[in-house]
């Protein structure tokens, strides 16, 4: 078969994926590319610039591709628009040199190096030999990361002090996970085969030594150098990050007002549910605290993992054929316990492209062994089914009809998080949350997402708290007030609240995408329903919507309304 002389946008996008994997084997591993398993990326300034150069070359190729006959077909147009928006947003972040101050409690290059081991194939001796090689690459990867942060110090591009302090604590835990001097990498390597024991142990010890070296430098050099730097980013930097995570240039003041309107709506609903649980409770969170002690619980870490697996299996069985049409390989999802030393929030990792590694949900236990049910049900509808798993696994399933880029690395955070929050609401609409404990837990989770919009925008832009707020009306937001507000309007324990606020300081503009993305999904569904009238088919709409691949919020409502 002869090669296409003039590629169309989908071909340009897929060529970009191939070139990106060569530069970033972490991405390759998440996609299930076996050759990536033994390597780690170059995290130095030179490595960052190589990624930027690839983005620039790809945009030039896209310019040409969009002039070709056939480029105006919907399938090509959507892919081209997504690729252009994503690469432009990524380049804006790079050119502002944000990669020279990428420090925080999650989603940093240092975290990606550790977390990729949890999805690296480990079923055979050959797999473990690749893991040993990847372990040997950890010191160089962390050295490159440190080189980037050092250049940031030279250029007075400082990370926020609070996330930096948390990161130092995390590095300490990674270097001594069991409290007896054995680090996380050594614990991970201990599961390998005896035939490679000496090799794995030596490589893991070197990886732990690199963690200790990075921790000491962060503590003794970086932390003193950034003392007094602001914890918030201001309107210009925030707008850049909001575009990166949401795929649109937001009206931040309108979004802030929307967050408050949702806060007031949800507070009214929560009060109604609280009255059913603890009549006369002063606030809904008093009722939730009552549930912490007296509500339904799961005892034991293994038990909660198995219970969550059962919850997802039940959702798949009951939703498949009624509100979704699921391929057999999409029906498989695994419940897992997250490794220690990370952030407090649950998360999801998608399947590999060939589904040899299934989609997985991850529960950080934070040292607990007793888990309230009200805090889990809607969260697993969000992380698992019908949330992240159904969307991201469906993208992988239909990748051949889209482009590899749209189905994998082209994801827009607000699209995915918006779908997952829509999925929680869908389960409420379908009658799965009639139990008062589970429904107030769902509303509490929704309230957390509304509070995210309020505090993330409010503190980074230093906005005023409205006069009709029940909390410090007329005052100006600070991180301290944000943490107090979040803690007062959430059932989450203090360590979770602290981790959340540190997260917002680490990745500004990401946390608002849940509520703003959900709003886009709901509006798209409403417009599609209006368009079809009595013939609107929700199951067909769900599957068409989940088979489009990723879209930024710029494009999402328009495309959803056409389905």
Protein backbone atom coordinates (compact mmCIF):
# COMPACT_ATOMS: atom_id res chain seq x y z
CA UNK A 1 0.00 0.00 0.00
CA UNK A 2 1.43 3.36 -0.97
CA UNK A 3 1.84 6.02 1.67
CA UNK A 4 -0.45 9.04 1.64
CA UNK A 5 1.49 11.96 0.15
CA UNK A 6 -0.58 14.63 1.82
CA UNK A 7 -1.74 13.48 5.26
CA UNK A 8 -5.05 14.59 6.70
CA UNK A 9 -5.43 15.86 10.31
CA UNK A 10 -5.99 12.41 11.84
CA UNK A 11 -2.79 11.12 10.28
CA UNK A 12 -0.87 14.15 11.53
CA UNK A 13 -2.30 13.56 15.00
CA UNK A 14 -1.32 9.91 15.03
CA UNK A 15 2.19 10.66 13.78
CA UNK A 16 2.46 13.07 16.71
CA UNK A 17 1.57 10.26 19.12
CA UNK A 18 4.32 8.04 17.67
CA UNK A 19 6.93 10.79 18.00
CA UNK A 20 5.76 11.72 21.48
CA UNK A 21 6.10 8.15 22.72
CA UNK A 22 9.72 8.13 21.54
CA UNK A 23 10.38 11.18 23.71
CA UNK A 24 8.10 10.25 26.61
CA UNK A 25 8.09 6.53 27.51
CA UNK A 26 5.79 7.24 30.46
CA UNK A 27 3.06 8.09 27.96
CA UNK A 28 4.04 4.99 26.01
CA UNK A 29 3.58 2.81 29.07
CA UNK A 30 0.10 4.17 29.77
CA UNK A 31 -0.77 3.36 26.16
CA UNK A 32 0.58 -0.17 26.56
CA UNK A 33 3.65 0.18 24.32
CA UNK A 34 5.94 -2.61 25.48
CA UNK A 35 9.14 -0.94 24.24
CA UNK A 36 8.52 1.95 26.64
CA UNK A 37 8.66 -0.23 29.76
CA UNK A 38 12.40 0.05 30.33
CA UNK A 39 12.86 3.81 29.89
CA UNK A 40 12.02 7.13 31.52
CA UNK A 41 11.79 10.58 29.91
CA UNK A 42 14.35 13.38 29.90
CA UNK A 43 12.97 15.81 32.49
CA UNK A 44 15.67 18.42 31.99
CA UNK A 45 15.12 21.78 30.25
CA UNK A 46 16.46 20.17 27.08
CA UNK A 47 13.89 17.40 27.33
CA UNK A 48 11.11 19.93 27.79
CA UNK A 49 12.26 21.90 24.76
CA UNK A 50 12.36 18.73 22.65
CA UNK A 51 8.66 18.20 23.41
CA UNK A 52 7.92 21.81 22.49
CA UNK A 53 9.77 21.48 19.19
CA UNK A 54 7.69 18.41 18.37
CA UNK A 55 4.52 20.41 19.08
CA UNK A 56 5.65 23.25 16.82
CA UNK A 57 6.51 20.89 13.95
CA UNK A 58 3.16 19.17 14.33
CA UNK A 59 1.26 22.46 14.14
CA UNK A 60 3.07 23.28 10.90
CA UNK A 61 2.07 19.87 9.50
CA UNK A 62 -1.50 20.47 10.65
CA UNK A 63 -1.63 23.77 8.76
CA UNK A 64 -0.88 21.87 5.56
CA UNK A 65 -3.19 18.96 6.39
CA UNK A 66 -6.19 21.23 6.95
CA UNK A 67 -5.78 22.56 3.39
CA UNK A 68 -6.13 19.09 1.86
CA UNK A 69 -9.31 17.77 0.19
CA UNK A 70 -11.35 15.88 2.76
CA UNK A 71 -10.05 17.85 5.74
CA UNK A 72 -13.47 19.46 6.20
CA UNK A 73 -15.19 16.15 7.00
CA UNK A 74 -16.48 16.12 10.59
CA UNK A 75 -14.15 13.33 11.67
CA UNK A 76 -11.10 15.22 10.38
CA UNK A 77 -12.33 18.63 11.46
CA UNK A 78 -12.90 17.56 15.07
CA UNK A 79 -9.50 15.91 15.29
CA UNK A 80 -7.71 18.91 13.76
CA UNK A 81 -9.44 21.34 16.06
CA UNK A 82 -8.57 19.30 19.13
CA UNK A 83 -4.94 18.85 18.10
CA UNK A 84 -4.48 22.55 17.42
CA UNK A 85 -6.12 23.63 20.66
CA UNK A 86 -4.18 21.12 22.78
CA UNK A 87 -0.75 21.82 21.30
CA UNK A 88 -1.32 25.57 21.43
CA UNK A 89 -2.32 25.36 25.09
CA UNK A 90 0.68 23.15 25.90
CA UNK A 91 3.07 25.50 24.12
CA UNK A 92 1.66 28.49 26.02
CA UNK A 93 2.46 26.71 29.28
CA UNK A 94 5.94 25.74 28.06
CA UNK A 95 6.81 29.18 26.75
CA UNK A 96 5.81 30.68 30.10
CA UNK A 97 8.44 28.28 31.56
CA UNK A 98 5.98 26.66 33.93
CA UNK A 99 7.96 23.44 33.63
CA UNK A 100 10.81 25.09 35.52
CA UNK A 101 8.71 25.32 38.68
CA UNK A 102 6.64 22.13 38.51
CA UNK A 103 6.50 21.30 42.23
CA UNK A 104 3.53 20.11 44.24
CA UNK A 105 1.69 17.25 45.88
CA UNK A 106 0.58 15.58 42.62
CA UNK A 107 0.94 15.63 38.82
CA UNK A 108 4.61 16.67 38.82
CA UNK A 109 7.33 14.95 36.79
CA UNK A 110 8.61 13.35 40.00
CA UNK A 111 5.20 11.84 40.67
CA UNK A 112 4.88 10.53 37.11
CA UNK A 113 8.22 8.71 37.43
CA UNK A 114 7.01 6.84 40.50
CA UNK A 115 3.43 6.23 39.39
CA UNK A 116 4.35 4.77 36.00
CA UNK A 117 5.76 1.72 37.79
CA UNK A 118 2.24 0.88 39.02
CA UNK A 119 1.06 0.39 35.41
CA UNK A 120 4.26 -1.13 33.98
CA UNK A 121 3.70 -4.78 32.91
CA UNK A 122 4.99 -7.18 35.60
CA UNK A 123 3.68 -10.62 34.67
CA UNK A 124 6.84 -12.27 33.37
CA UNK A 125 10.57 -12.38 34.01
CA UNK A 126 11.03 -10.38 30.82
CA UNK A 127 8.69 -7.71 32.22
CA UNK A 128 10.71 -7.52 35.42
CA UNK A 129 13.97 -7.25 33.50
CA UNK A 130 12.50 -4.15 31.82
CA UNK A 131 11.43 -2.85 35.24
CA UNK A 132 14.98 -3.28 36.53
CA UNK A 133 16.25 -1.20 33.62
CA UNK A 134 13.59 1.43 34.27
CA UNK A 135 14.59 1.51 37.96
CA UNK A 136 18.17 2.16 36.90
CA UNK A 137 16.88 5.15 34.91
CA UNK A 138 15.29 6.82 37.96
CA UNK A 139 18.45 8.68 39.11
CA UNK A 140 18.96 10.30 35.69
CA UNK A 141 15.28 11.25 35.45
CA UNK A 142 15.32 12.90 38.86
CA UNK A 143 18.60 14.62 38.03
CA UNK A 144 16.97 16.12 34.92
CA UNK A 145 13.99 17.26 36.96
CA UNK A 146 16.31 18.90 39.48
CA UNK A 147 18.16 20.61 36.63
CA UNK A 148 14.87 22.15 35.49
CA UNK A 149 14.03 23.38 38.97
CA UNK A 150 17.56 24.82 39.37
CA UNK A 151 17.13 26.81 36.16
CA UNK A 152 13.81 28.02 37.51
CA UNK A 153 15.56 29.32 40.62
CA UNK A 154 18.11 31.14 38.46
CA UNK A 155 15.27 32.81 36.55
CA UNK A 156 13.29 33.57 39.72
CA UNK A 157 10.46 31.29 38.62
CA UNK A 158 9.41 29.95 41.98
CA UNK A 159 6.99 27.20 42.93
CA UNK A 160 4.51 27.90 45.70
CA UNK A 161 5.97 27.32 49.18
CA UNK A 162 3.06 25.31 50.59
CA UNK A 163 3.01 22.63 47.86
CA UNK A 164 6.80 22.52 48.05
CA UNK A 165 6.70 21.69 51.76
CA UNK A 166 4.19 18.91 51.08
CA UNK A 167 6.35 17.55 48.27
CA UNK A 168 9.35 17.32 50.61
CA UNK A 169 7.18 15.32 53.03
CA UNK A 170 6.10 12.99 50.21
CA UNK A 171 9.70 12.41 49.14
CA UNK A 172 10.52 11.50 52.72
CA UNK A 173 7.73 8.92 52.71
CA UNK A 174 8.85 7.55 49.35
CA UNK A 175 12.36 7.08 50.72
CA UNK A 176 11.16 5.24 53.86
CA UNK A 177 7.74 3.83 53.09
CA UNK A 178 7.68 1.15 55.78
CA UNK A 179 9.28 3.25 58.53
CA UNK A 180 12.21 0.83 58.65
CA UNK A 181 14.44 2.40 56.03
CA UNK A 182 13.06 0.65 52.95
CA UNK A 183 11.81 3.00 50.25
CA UNK A 184 8.83 2.71 47.92
CA UNK A 185 10.91 1.54 44.97
CA UNK A 186 12.46 -1.22 47.09
CA UNK A 187 9.05 -2.36 48.27
CA UNK A 188 7.79 -2.36 44.70
CA UNK A 189 10.79 -4.37 43.46
CA UNK A 190 10.39 -6.97 46.22
CA UNK A 191 7.53 -8.55 44.24
CA UNK A 192 9.89 -9.45 41.37
CA UNK A 193 11.18 -12.95 40.57
CA UNK A 194 14.03 -14.51 42.54
CA UNK A 195 16.07 -14.94 39.35
CA UNK A 196 16.38 -11.15 39.16
CA UNK A 197 16.45 -10.47 42.91
CA UNK A 198 19.99 -9.06 43.13
CA UNK A 199 19.54 -6.91 40.03
CA UNK A 200 16.18 -5.55 41.15
CA UNK A 201 17.33 -4.83 44.68
CA UNK A 202 20.42 -2.96 43.50
CA UNK A 203 18.43 -0.88 41.02
CA UNK A 204 15.72 -0.14 43.60
CA UNK A 205 18.28 0.98 46.17
CA UNK A 206 19.76 3.35 43.60
CA UNK A 207 16.28 4.72 42.86
CA UNK A 208 15.66 5.28 46.57
CA UNK A 209 19.02 7.02 46.88
CA UNK A 210 17.93 9.35 44.07
CA UNK A 211 14.73 10.13 45.97
CA UNK A 212 16.76 10.94 49.09
CA UNK A 213 19.12 13.15 47.10
CA UNK A 214 16.20 15.02 45.54
CA UNK A 215 14.49 15.35 48.93
CA UNK A 216 17.61 16.77 50.56
CA UNK A 217 18.11 19.30 47.75
CA UNK A 218 14.45 20.33 47.85
CA UNK A 219 14.64 20.76 51.61
CA UNK A 220 18.06 22.39 51.95
CA UNK A 221 18.38 24.43 48.73
CA UNK A 222 15.04 24.88 46.99
CA UNK A 223 12.82 25.57 49.99
CA UNK A 224 14.96 28.37 51.46
CA UNK A 225 15.33 29.95 48.00
CA UNK A 226 11.57 30.31 47.49
CA UNK A 227 10.76 31.55 50.98
CA UNK A 228 8.25 34.39 50.74
CA UNK A 229 7.12 33.53 47.22
CA UNK A 230 3.32 33.70 46.69
CA UNK A 231 1.23 30.55 46.97
CA UNK A 232 -1.23 31.80 44.35
CA UNK A 233 -0.62 32.49 40.66
CA UNK A 234 -2.65 35.61 39.74
CA UNK A 235 -5.05 36.17 36.84
CA UNK A 236 -2.61 35.88 33.91
CA UNK A 237 -1.03 32.58 34.94
CA UNK A 238 -4.40 31.25 36.09
CA UNK A 239 -5.99 32.02 32.72
CA UNK A 240 -3.20 30.14 30.95
CA UNK A 241 -3.65 27.07 33.15
CA UNK A 242 -7.45 27.27 32.90
CA UNK A 243 -7.16 27.09 29.09
CA UNK A 244 -4.80 24.11 29.43
CA UNK A 245 -7.17 22.12 31.65
CA UNK A 246 -10.52 23.21 30.19
CA UNK A 247 -9.92 23.67 26.48
CA UNK A 248 -11.48 27.12 26.40
CA UNK A 249 -10.74 30.70 27.40
CA UNK A 250 -13.10 31.03 30.34
CA UNK A 251 -14.85 34.10 31.65
CA UNK A 252 -13.41 33.55 35.11
CA UNK A 253 -15.71 36.01 36.85
CA UNK A 254 -18.79 34.32 35.34
CA UNK A 255 -17.43 30.92 36.36
CA UNK A 256 -16.87 32.19 39.92
CA UNK A 257 -20.48 33.43 40.08
CA UNK A 258 -21.71 30.06 38.74
CA UNK A 259 -19.80 28.29 41.51
CA UNK A 260 -21.66 30.36 44.09
CA UNK A 261 -25.06 29.72 42.47
CA UNK A 262 -24.41 25.96 42.63
CA UNK A 263 -23.26 26.30 46.23
CA UNK A 264 -26.58 27.85 47.27
CA UNK A 265 -28.65 25.31 45.29
CA UNK A 266 -26.80 22.31 46.70
CA UNK A 267 -26.89 23.65 50.25
CA UNK A 268 -30.69 23.71 50.09
CA UNK A 269 -30.86 20.10 48.88
CA UNK A 270 -28.34 18.94 51.47
CA UNK A 271 -30.39 20.44 54.29
CA UNK A 272 -33.41 18.42 53.15
CA UNK A 273 -31.44 15.14 53.16
CA UNK A 274 -29.77 15.97 56.49
CA UNK A 275 -33.18 16.30 58.12
CA UNK A 276 -33.92 12.67 57.20
CA UNK A 277 -30.66 11.48 58.79
CA UNK A 278 -30.42 13.63 61.92
CA UNK A 279 -33.51 15.79 62.45
CA UNK A 280 -32.62 19.24 63.73
CA UNK A 281 -28.97 19.01 62.66
CA UNK A 282 -27.45 22.49 62.68
CA UNK A 283 -25.79 21.95 59.27
CA UNK A 284 -25.68 19.08 56.75
CA UNK A 285 -22.11 18.38 57.82
CA UNK A 286 -23.25 17.69 61.37
CA UNK A 287 -25.44 14.97 59.87
CA UNK A 288 -22.50 13.70 57.84
CA UNK A 289 -20.30 13.63 60.95
CA UNK A 290 -23.05 11.55 62.56
CA UNK A 291 -22.77 9.12 59.64
CA UNK A 292 -19.02 8.89 60.15
CA UNK A 293 -19.76 7.31 63.53
CA UNK A 294 -23.15 5.68 63.07
CA UNK A 295 -23.69 5.23 59.32
CA UNK A 296 -23.01 2.20 57.16
CA UNK A 297 -19.30 1.28 56.92
CA UNK A 298 -16.97 -1.17 55.25
CA UNK A 299 -14.34 -2.61 57.60
CA UNK A 300 -10.94 -3.56 56.20
CA UNK A 301 -8.80 -2.52 53.23
CA UNK A 302 -9.25 -5.76 51.26
CA UNK A 303 -12.95 -5.70 52.05
CA UNK A 304 -13.44 -2.16 50.75
CA UNK A 305 -11.55 -2.98 47.56
CA UNK A 306 -13.82 -5.99 46.97
CA UNK A 307 -16.95 -3.98 47.84
CA UNK A 308 -16.03 -1.28 45.34
CA UNK A 309 -15.43 -3.96 42.70
CA UNK A 310 -18.91 -5.30 43.37
CA UNK A 311 -20.40 -1.82 43.09
CA UNK A 312 -18.85 -1.34 39.64
CA UNK A 313 -19.81 -4.84 38.48
CA UNK A 314 -23.42 -4.18 39.50
CA UNK A 315 -23.48 -0.84 37.66
CA UNK A 316 -22.14 -2.47 34.49
CA UNK A 317 -24.68 -5.29 34.62
CA UNK A 318 -27.63 -2.96 35.17
CA UNK A 319 -26.66 -0.10 32.84
CA UNK A 320 -25.46 -2.19 29.89
CA UNK A 321 -28.32 -2.59 27.43
CA UNK A 322 -30.51 0.00 29.14
CA UNK A 323 -28.55 3.25 29.10
CA UNK A 324 -25.34 2.12 27.37
CA UNK A 325 -24.24 -0.54 24.89
CA UNK A 326 -20.90 -1.83 26.13
CA UNK A 327 -18.36 -3.98 24.32
CA UNK A 328 -17.20 -6.96 26.35
CA UNK A 329 -13.71 -5.53 26.87
CA UNK A 330 -15.17 -2.24 28.12
CA UNK A 331 -17.08 -4.16 30.79
CA UNK A 332 -13.84 -5.09 32.57
CA UNK A 333 -12.60 -2.72 35.29
CA UNK A 334 -10.53 -3.43 38.42
CA UNK A 335 -10.72 -1.92 41.90
CA UNK A 336 -7.28 -1.28 43.45
CA UNK A 337 -5.75 0.26 46.57
CA UNK A 338 -3.47 3.23 45.78
CA UNK A 339 0.20 3.09 46.83
CA UNK A 340 1.00 5.21 49.90
CA UNK A 341 2.64 8.61 49.68
CA UNK A 342 0.31 10.27 47.19
CA UNK A 343 -2.55 12.72 47.34
CA UNK A 344 -5.74 11.87 49.23
CA UNK A 345 -8.19 11.82 46.32
CA UNK A 346 -9.24 8.59 44.54
CA UNK A 347 -8.31 8.33 40.87
CA UNK A 348 -8.60 6.19 37.74
CA UNK A 349 -6.07 4.87 35.23
CA UNK A 350 -7.39 3.92 31.77
CA UNK A 351 -6.77 0.62 29.99
CA UNK A 352 -3.89 0.11 27.64
CA UNK A 353 -4.74 0.47 23.97
CA UNK A 354 -5.08 -3.30 23.50
CA UNK A 355 -6.92 -3.75 26.83
CA UNK A 356 -4.24 -6.14 28.10
CA UNK A 357 -4.17 -3.85 31.14
CA UNK A 358 -7.72 -3.02 32.21
CA UNK A 359 -9.02 0.28 33.49
CA UNK A 360 -8.46 0.59 37.23
CA UNK A 361 -9.86 2.68 40.06
CA UNK A 362 -7.53 3.54 42.96
CA UNK A 363 -8.51 4.24 46.57
CA UNK A 364 -5.91 5.99 48.79
CA UNK A 365 -6.62 4.66 52.28
CA UNK A 366 -4.55 7.35 54.09
CA UNK A 367 -3.88 4.74 56.77
CA UNK A 368 -7.56 4.07 57.45
CA UNK A 369 -9.24 0.67 57.70
CA UNK A 370 -12.86 1.80 58.22
CA UNK A 371 -14.69 3.40 55.29
CA UNK A 372 -18.11 5.14 55.38
CA UNK A 373 -20.33 4.00 52.54
CA UNK A 374 -21.85 7.46 51.98
CA UNK A 375 -18.43 8.73 50.95
CA UNK A 376 -17.80 5.95 48.41
CA UNK A 377 -20.85 5.23 46.27
CA UNK A 378 -21.10 8.34 44.07
CA UNK A 379 -17.31 8.62 44.06
CA UNK A 380 -17.06 5.19 42.42
CA UNK A 381 -19.80 6.09 39.97
CA UNK A 382 -17.45 9.00 39.14
CA UNK A 383 -14.13 7.13 39.00
CA UNK A 384 -15.44 3.86 37.66
CA UNK A 385 -18.86 3.17 36.13
CA UNK A 386 -20.52 5.02 34.47
CA UNK A 387 -17.82 7.69 34.95
CA UNK A 388 -14.19 7.73 33.90
CA UNK A 389 -14.04 4.08 33.00
CA UNK A 390 -16.91 4.07 30.52
CA UNK A 391 -15.64 7.19 28.76
CA UNK A 392 -11.93 6.42 28.58
CA UNK A 393 -12.35 2.72 27.87
CA UNK A 394 -14.88 3.52 25.14
CA UNK A 395 -12.39 5.93 23.58
CA UNK A 396 -9.86 3.11 23.48
CA UNK A 397 -12.47 0.75 22.05
CA UNK A 398 -13.36 3.06 19.13
CA UNK A 399 -9.84 4.39 18.57
CA UNK A 400 -9.79 2.88 15.09
CA UNK A 401 -12.74 5.06 14.08
CA UNK A 402 -11.22 8.22 15.53
CA UNK A 403 -7.52 8.79 15.76
CA UNK A 404 -5.11 7.42 18.29
CA UNK A 405 -4.56 10.96 19.51
CA UNK A 406 -8.25 11.66 20.21
CA UNK A 407 -8.68 8.36 22.02
CA UNK A 408 -5.66 8.70 24.28
CA UNK A 409 -3.33 11.60 24.97
CA UNK A 410 -5.52 14.34 23.49
CA UNK A 411 -7.79 14.24 26.51
CA UNK A 412 -9.05 17.53 27.96
CA UNK A 413 -9.35 17.37 31.74
CA UNK A 414 -12.65 19.27 31.94
CA UNK A 415 -14.24 17.00 29.33
CA UNK A 416 -13.36 13.84 31.27
CA UNK A 417 -14.05 15.26 34.73
CA UNK A 418 -17.26 16.85 33.46
CA UNK A 419 -18.44 13.48 32.12
CA UNK A 420 -17.60 11.79 35.43
CA UNK A 421 -19.57 14.36 37.40
CA UNK A 422 -22.41 14.05 34.88
CA UNK A 423 -22.25 10.29 35.53
CA UNK A 424 -22.82 10.85 39.25
CA UNK A 425 -25.84 13.02 38.46
CA UNK A 426 -27.11 10.43 35.96
CA UNK A 427 -27.11 7.76 38.66
CA UNK A 428 -29.13 10.09 40.86
CA UNK A 429 -31.55 10.74 37.99
CA UNK A 430 -31.89 6.98 37.41
CA UNK A 431 -32.83 6.36 41.03
CA UNK A 432 -29.64 4.75 42.32
CA UNK A 433 -29.23 7.27 45.16
CA UNK A 434 -32.60 7.20 46.92
CA UNK A 435 -31.03 6.03 50.19
CA UNK A 436 -30.60 9.18 52.33
CA UNK A 437 -27.01 8.31 53.31
CA UNK A 438 -25.91 7.74 49.74
CA UNK A 439 -27.76 10.77 48.41
CA UNK A 440 -26.32 13.21 50.93
CA UNK A 441 -22.92 11.72 50.12
CA UNK A 442 -23.58 12.46 46.45
CA UNK A 443 -24.68 16.02 47.25
CA UNK A 444 -21.63 16.47 49.45
CA UNK A 445 -19.43 15.37 46.53
CA UNK A 446 -21.25 17.82 44.26
CA UNK A 447 -20.79 20.55 46.86
CA UNK A 448 -17.08 19.82 46.95
CA UNK A 449 -16.91 20.46 43.18
CA UNK A 450 -18.86 23.73 43.53
CA UNK A 451 -16.55 24.77 46.36
CA UNK A 452 -13.60 24.02 44.10
CA UNK A 453 -14.81 26.55 41.57
CA UNK A 454 -15.27 29.15 44.29
CA UNK A 455 -11.97 28.72 46.12
CA UNK A 456 -9.72 27.86 43.17
CA UNK A 457 -10.70 30.96 41.22
CA UNK A 458 -11.27 33.05 44.32
CA UNK A 459 -7.91 32.56 45.98
CA UNK A 460 -5.75 32.59 42.86
CA UNK A 461 -7.39 35.80 41.60
CA UNK A 462 -7.79 37.22 45.14
CA UNK A 463 -11.48 37.94 44.55
CA UNK A 464 -13.94 39.28 47.10
CA UNK A 465 -16.32 36.92 48.88
CA UNK A 466 -19.91 37.93 47.94
CA UNK A 467 -22.14 39.78 50.38
CA UNK A 468 -24.70 36.92 50.41
CA UNK A 469 -22.10 34.34 51.41
CA UNK A 470 -22.60 32.64 54.80
CA UNK A 471 -18.80 32.69 55.13
CA UNK A 472 -16.73 35.87 55.68
CA UNK A 473 -18.82 38.09 53.34
CA UNK A 474 -16.91 41.01 51.85
CA UNK A 475 -13.47 39.66 52.69
CA UNK A 476 -10.84 38.81 50.09
CA UNK A 477 -9.88 35.19 49.47
CA UNK A 478 -6.59 33.78 50.75
CA UNK A 479 -5.42 30.15 50.83
CA UNK A 480 -6.07 30.12 54.57
CA UNK A 481 -9.67 31.28 54.12
CA UNK A 482 -10.08 28.81 51.25
CA UNK A 483 -9.04 25.91 53.46
CA UNK A 484 -11.35 27.07 56.25
CA UNK A 485 -14.27 27.41 53.80
CA UNK A 486 -13.61 24.03 52.22
CA UNK A 487 -13.36 22.33 55.60
CA UNK A 488 -16.59 23.95 56.83
CA UNK A 489 -18.54 22.84 53.74
CA UNK A 490 -17.24 19.31 53.28
CA UNK A 491 -17.45 16.01 55.13
CA UNK A 492 -13.83 15.28 54.29
CA UNK A 493 -11.34 14.90 57.16
CA UNK A 494 -8.77 17.59 57.86
CA UNK A 495 -5.90 15.78 56.11
CA UNK A 496 -8.00 15.43 52.94
CA UNK A 497 -8.98 19.11 53.02
CA UNK A 498 -5.35 20.12 53.44
CA UNK A 499 -4.31 17.85 50.57
CA UNK A 500 -7.06 19.30 48.37
CA UNK A 501 -6.03 22.91 48.97
CA UNK A 502 -2.42 22.00 48.27
CA UNK A 503 -3.61 20.36 45.07
CA UNK A 504 -5.30 23.60 43.94
CA UNK A 505 -2.10 25.51 44.60
CA UNK A 506 -0.17 22.85 42.65
CA UNK A 507 -2.37 22.68 39.54
CA UNK A 508 -4.42 25.91 39.30
CA UNK A 509 -7.38 25.81 36.94
CA UNK A 510 -7.81 22.03 36.96
CA UNK A 511 -10.28 21.64 39.83
CA UNK A 512 -12.86 23.96 38.26
CA UNK A 513 -13.27 21.65 35.25
CA UNK A 514 -15.52 19.19 37.09
CA UNK A 515 -18.45 21.56 37.54
CA UNK A 516 -17.83 23.56 34.37
CA UNK A 517 -17.45 20.35 32.39
CA UNK A 518 -20.62 18.90 33.89
CA UNK A 519 -22.45 22.08 32.90
CA UNK A 520 -21.26 21.62 29.31
CA UNK A 521 -22.39 17.96 29.21
CA UNK A 522 -25.82 18.84 30.62
CA UNK A 523 -26.27 21.71 28.17
CA UNK A 524 -25.25 19.51 25.25
CA UNK A 525 -27.76 16.86 26.31
CA UNK A 526 -30.51 19.47 26.71
CA UNK A 527 -29.88 20.88 23.25
CA UNK A 528 -29.84 17.40 21.70
CA UNK A 529 -33.11 16.57 23.46
CA UNK A 530 -34.68 19.80 22.14
CA UNK A 531 -33.46 18.98 18.64
CA UNK A 532 -34.92 15.45 18.60
CA UNK A 533 -38.03 16.04 20.69
CA UNK A 534 -40.00 12.88 21.47
CA UNK A 535 -37.58 10.70 19.46
CA UNK A 536 -34.59 11.52 21.67
CA UNK A 537 -32.86 8.27 22.69
CA UNK A 538 -30.68 8.70 25.77
CA UNK A 539 -28.84 5.38 25.29
CA UNK A 540 -27.98 6.22 21.68
CA UNK A 541 -26.92 9.73 22.72
CA UNK A 542 -24.66 8.38 25.47
CA UNK A 543 -22.88 6.01 23.11
CA UNK A 544 -22.48 8.62 20.36
CA UNK A 545 -21.20 11.12 22.90
CA UNK A 546 -18.72 8.64 24.38
CA UNK A 547 -17.50 7.64 20.92
CA UNK A 548 -16.46 11.15 19.82
CA UNK A 549 -13.13 11.11 21.61
CA UNK A 550 -11.94 14.11 23.52
CA UNK A 551 -13.16 17.67 22.96
CA UNK A 552 -12.35 20.94 24.66
CA UNK A 553 -15.22 22.83 26.25
CA UNK A 554 -15.02 25.23 23.30
CA UNK A 555 -16.28 22.45 21.08
CA UNK A 556 -18.10 20.08 23.43
CA UNK A 557 -21.56 21.67 23.69
CA UNK A 558 -21.74 22.25 19.93
CA UNK A 559 -20.79 18.67 19.08
CA UNK A 560 -23.01 17.10 21.76
CA UNK A 561 -26.03 19.09 20.59
CA UNK A 562 -25.64 17.71 17.05
CA UNK A 563 -25.89 14.07 18.12
